[in-house]
Protein backbone atom coordinates (compact mmCIF):
# COMPACT_ATOMS: atom_id res chain seq x y z
CA HIS A 1 32.76 38.34 39.23
CA LYS A 2 30.18 40.94 40.31
CA PHE A 3 26.66 41.25 38.98
CA THR A 4 23.71 43.40 39.97
CA LYS A 5 19.96 42.85 40.09
CA ASN A 6 16.95 45.00 41.00
CA LEU A 7 14.22 44.58 43.60
CA LYS A 8 11.24 46.87 42.99
CA THR A 9 7.95 47.33 44.78
CA PRO A 10 4.87 46.76 42.56
CA LEU A 11 4.12 49.74 40.29
CA TYR A 12 7.35 51.44 41.38
CA ASP A 13 7.31 55.23 40.98
CA LYS A 14 3.55 55.09 41.37
CA PRO A 15 1.63 54.28 44.57
CA TYR A 16 2.02 50.61 45.43
CA PRO A 17 -1.21 48.64 45.99
CA PRO A 18 -2.65 47.98 49.47
CA ASN A 19 -2.54 44.59 51.21
CA THR A 20 0.64 43.60 49.41
CA GLU A 21 3.40 41.26 50.51
CA CYS A 22 6.63 40.76 48.55
CA ILE A 23 9.39 38.41 49.71
CA TRP A 24 12.78 38.21 48.01
CA GLU A 25 15.42 35.68 49.05
CA ILE A 26 18.81 36.65 47.66
CA ARG A 27 21.63 34.13 47.33
CA ALA A 28 25.21 35.04 46.54
CA ASP A 29 27.92 32.62 45.52
CA ASP A 30 29.92 30.87 48.25
CA GLY A 31 32.51 33.18 49.76
CA TYR A 32 30.48 36.33 49.03
CA HIS A 33 27.95 38.36 51.01
CA VAL A 34 24.99 40.39 49.77
CA GLY A 35 25.16 44.18 49.48
CA LEU A 36 21.98 46.17 48.93
CA SER A 37 21.71 49.82 47.89
CA PHE A 38 18.82 52.05 46.78
CA GLU A 39 18.34 54.10 43.63
CA GLY A 40 15.82 56.82 42.94
CA ARG A 41 12.87 57.65 45.15
CA PHE A 42 12.26 55.85 48.46
CA PHE A 43 8.80 56.40 49.96
CA ILE A 44 6.95 53.96 52.20
CA GLU A 45 4.01 55.19 54.29
CA GLU A 46 5.42 56.33 57.62
CA SER A 47 4.06 55.07 60.96
CA VAL A 48 5.30 54.67 64.52
CA ASN A 49 7.85 51.82 64.55
CA CYS A 50 6.89 51.18 60.91
CA THR A 51 3.91 49.05 61.95
CA LYS A 52 1.78 49.82 58.86
CA ASP A 53 3.85 49.66 55.67
CA PHE A 54 7.50 48.63 55.87
CA VAL A 55 10.47 46.86 54.32
CA GLU A 56 12.56 44.47 56.43
CA PHE A 57 16.02 43.04 55.84
CA TYR A 58 17.18 39.70 57.24
CA ASP A 59 20.59 38.05 57.50
CA PHE A 60 20.99 34.25 57.57
CA ILE A 61 23.04 33.41 60.69
CA ASP A 62 23.41 30.03 62.40
CA ASN A 63 20.78 28.48 60.11
CA ASP A 64 18.16 31.08 61.00
CA TRP A 65 16.95 34.41 59.67
CA LYS A 66 17.96 37.38 61.88
CA LEU A 67 16.34 40.81 61.46
CA LEU A 68 18.87 43.47 60.42
CA ARG A 69 16.54 46.48 60.20
CA ARG A 70 13.02 47.71 59.35
CA ASN A 71 12.44 50.88 57.33
CA CYS A 72 9.59 53.15 56.30
CA GLY A 73 9.09 56.85 55.54
CA ARG A 74 11.01 58.96 53.05
CA ASP A 75 14.58 58.61 54.30
CA THR A 76 16.52 56.40 51.92
CA PRO A 77 18.31 53.65 53.89
CA LYS A 78 22.06 53.46 53.75
CA PHE A 79 23.73 50.36 52.34
CA VAL A 80 22.45 47.12 53.85
CA ASN A 81 24.98 44.27 53.99
CA SER A 82 24.56 40.67 55.06
CA THR A 83 27.33 38.77 56.79
CA SER A 84 26.38 35.50 55.11
CA SER A 85 25.79 34.58 51.48
CA LYS A 86 22.01 35.02 51.88
CA MET A 87 19.65 37.92 52.56
CA LYS A 88 15.87 38.09 52.75
CA VAL A 89 13.87 41.25 51.99
CA ILE A 90 10.18 41.54 52.96
CA PHE A 91 7.88 44.37 51.88
CA ARG A 92 4.37 44.68 53.32
CA SER A 93 1.59 47.26 52.93
CA ASP A 94 -1.66 47.44 54.90
CA GLU A 95 -5.18 48.26 53.69
CA SER A 96 -4.74 52.04 53.60
CA GLY A 97 -2.19 54.62 52.53
CA ALA A 98 0.57 54.11 50.02
CA GLY A 99 3.84 55.59 48.83
CA ASP A 100 5.86 55.16 45.69
CA GLY A 101 7.90 52.27 47.11
CA PHE A 102 11.58 51.62 46.44
CA ASN A 103 14.05 50.40 43.85
CA ALA A 104 16.88 48.37 45.42
CA VAL A 105 19.96 47.06 43.66
CA TRP A 106 21.89 44.10 45.06
CA GLN A 107 25.27 42.71 44.27
CA GLN A 108 27.54 40.08 45.73
CA ASN A 109 30.63 41.37 47.50
CA CYS A 110 33.50 39.75 49.32
CA GLY A 111 34.98 40.94 52.58
CA GLY A 112 33.06 42.65 55.36
CA ILE A 113 32.98 42.75 59.15
CA ILE A 114 32.73 39.39 60.90
CA LEU A 115 31.83 39.39 64.60
CA VAL A 116 33.64 36.58 66.39
CA ASP A 117 32.20 34.78 69.42
CA GLU A 118 32.87 31.43 71.11
CA LYS A 119 31.60 29.43 68.14
CA THR A 120 34.05 28.16 65.56
CA ARG A 121 33.08 29.17 62.04
CA VAL A 122 34.59 28.58 58.60
CA LEU A 123 35.05 31.33 56.00
CA SER A 124 36.05 30.50 52.43
CA SER A 125 37.39 32.70 49.67
CA PRO A 126 35.07 33.31 46.69
CA GLY A 127 34.77 30.16 44.57
CA TYR A 128 36.60 27.85 47.00
CA PRO A 129 37.59 25.05 46.41
CA LYS A 130 37.25 25.35 42.63
CA GLY A 131 39.55 28.37 42.40
CA TYR A 132 39.05 32.12 42.48
CA GLN A 133 38.37 34.99 40.11
CA GLY A 134 40.75 37.74 39.09
CA LYS A 135 40.45 41.36 40.22
CA LEU A 136 39.26 40.51 43.74
CA GLY A 137 39.79 42.84 46.67
CA CYS A 138 38.32 41.20 49.76
CA ASN A 139 38.93 42.97 53.08
CA TYR A 140 37.74 40.97 56.08
CA THR A 141 37.67 42.51 59.56
CA PHE A 142 37.37 39.88 62.28
CA LYS A 143 36.26 41.62 65.46
CA ALA A 144 35.71 40.17 68.95
CA ALA A 145 32.00 40.40 69.75
CA GLN A 146 32.26 40.41 73.55
CA SER A 147 34.65 43.23 74.49
CA GLU A 148 37.72 45.24 73.54
CA GLU A 149 39.84 42.91 75.68
CA SER A 150 38.71 39.68 74.01
CA PHE A 151 40.83 37.78 71.49
CA VAL A 152 40.27 36.55 67.95
CA ASN A 153 41.75 33.18 66.97
CA ILE A 154 42.32 32.54 63.26
CA LYS A 155 43.54 29.33 61.62
CA PHE A 156 44.07 28.83 57.87
CA ILE A 157 43.00 25.24 57.15
CA ASP A 158 43.77 25.23 53.41
CA PHE A 159 45.85 27.77 51.52
CA ASP A 160 46.68 27.67 47.80
CA LEU A 161 47.31 30.89 45.84
CA GLU A 162 49.18 31.56 42.63
CA VAL A 163 52.89 30.97 43.10
CA THR A 164 54.80 34.22 42.74
CA PRO A 165 58.61 34.39 42.39
CA GLY A 166 60.11 36.64 45.06
CA LYS A 167 57.60 38.90 46.79
CA CYS A 168 53.84 38.25 46.54
CA ILE A 169 53.13 40.78 43.77
CA TYR A 170 50.21 38.96 42.09
CA ASP A 171 47.72 37.10 44.32
CA SER A 172 48.20 37.44 48.06
CA VAL A 173 46.77 37.41 51.56
CA SER A 174 47.95 40.08 53.99
CA ILE A 175 47.24 40.08 57.71
CA PHE A 176 47.11 43.21 59.87
CA LYS A 177 46.84 43.30 63.68
CA ARG A 178 45.51 46.17 65.75
CA GLN A 179 48.07 48.32 67.54
CA GLU A 180 47.37 48.19 71.28
CA TYR A 181 48.98 51.40 72.46
CA VAL A 182 47.50 54.00 70.13
CA LEU A 183 45.35 56.57 71.94
CA ASN A 184 42.00 57.73 70.51
CA ALA A 185 42.48 55.91 67.20
CA VAL A 186 42.28 52.49 65.62
CA GLU A 187 45.44 51.67 63.69
CA TYR A 188 46.77 48.41 62.29
CA THR A 189 50.23 47.14 61.51
CA LYS A 190 51.05 44.43 58.97
CA VAL A 191 51.88 40.97 60.31
CA GLY A 192 52.82 39.52 56.92
CA THR A 193 51.90 38.86 53.29
CA TYR A 194 51.48 35.32 51.99
CA CYS A 195 51.05 33.60 48.61
CA GLY A 196 51.63 30.24 46.91
CA ARG A 197 51.36 27.49 49.52
CA ASN A 198 52.92 29.56 52.30
CA ASN A 199 50.08 28.95 54.77
CA PRO A 200 49.83 31.73 57.37
CA GLY A 201 48.93 29.06 59.95
CA SER A 202 47.16 30.05 63.16
CA ALA A 203 47.47 33.03 65.48
CA ARG A 204 45.68 34.89 68.27
CA TYR A 205 44.97 38.62 68.05
CA LYS A 206 43.60 40.99 70.66
CA ASN A 207 40.28 42.68 69.76
CA SER A 208 40.46 42.41 65.97
CA VAL A 209 42.47 41.40 62.91
CA LEU A 210 42.25 42.38 59.24
CA VAL A 211 42.71 39.86 56.43
CA GLU A 212 43.14 41.28 52.94
CA PHE A 213 42.79 38.97 49.92
CA LYS A 214 43.92 40.44 46.59
CA THR A 215 44.12 38.88 43.14
CA ASP A 216 45.49 40.17 39.85
CA ALA A 217 43.60 40.30 36.55
CA HIS A 218 43.87 36.55 35.89
CA ASP A 219 41.49 33.87 37.15
CA HIS A 220 43.07 31.03 39.11
CA MET A 221 40.90 27.96 38.57
CA LYS A 222 41.52 24.33 39.43
């Protein structure tokens, strides 16, 4: 259930016009986040702190837009990912100087890194509660935002995957906790794999926990 779309500056591959403002608001389906990558030439007039021409990327967090990064120059940005299902991209040029602009491609992805603080938040699988698509591979890393010694609390409120006889060989959720006594490395060990209506329940993990949601080739719709 992935699709891609393009965001291009005006006259891309030729100098973009002065005094231009472009605003794109990208919305992914529930349970997905937005991933943005760049193809071809990237050239926005360079200035100190990108105060003249620039492109900005915003994440939608706690009902407000939060700046992720601002770019200009000739260095193509690495992947830009939102943590929510929405991203905003703003391109602005001033009255002088111009580059060739950029060509960005966005797609909706599942998984990602979720920073956990004192606030309780709800994360749903793609398509919930109407069912989920086949061929999903969603890897969520829940990481304590405050410190290495903080804890992450996870509770599965609703859980309904395809029923699999024996081991969970079709659709499944696997949970991995961080090993505490591994020097100079970050390693995880599996807590368990769950499917059907075998709700993993709630648990507390030090520093971080990985949740892996996999589905086979068949859609599971309600």
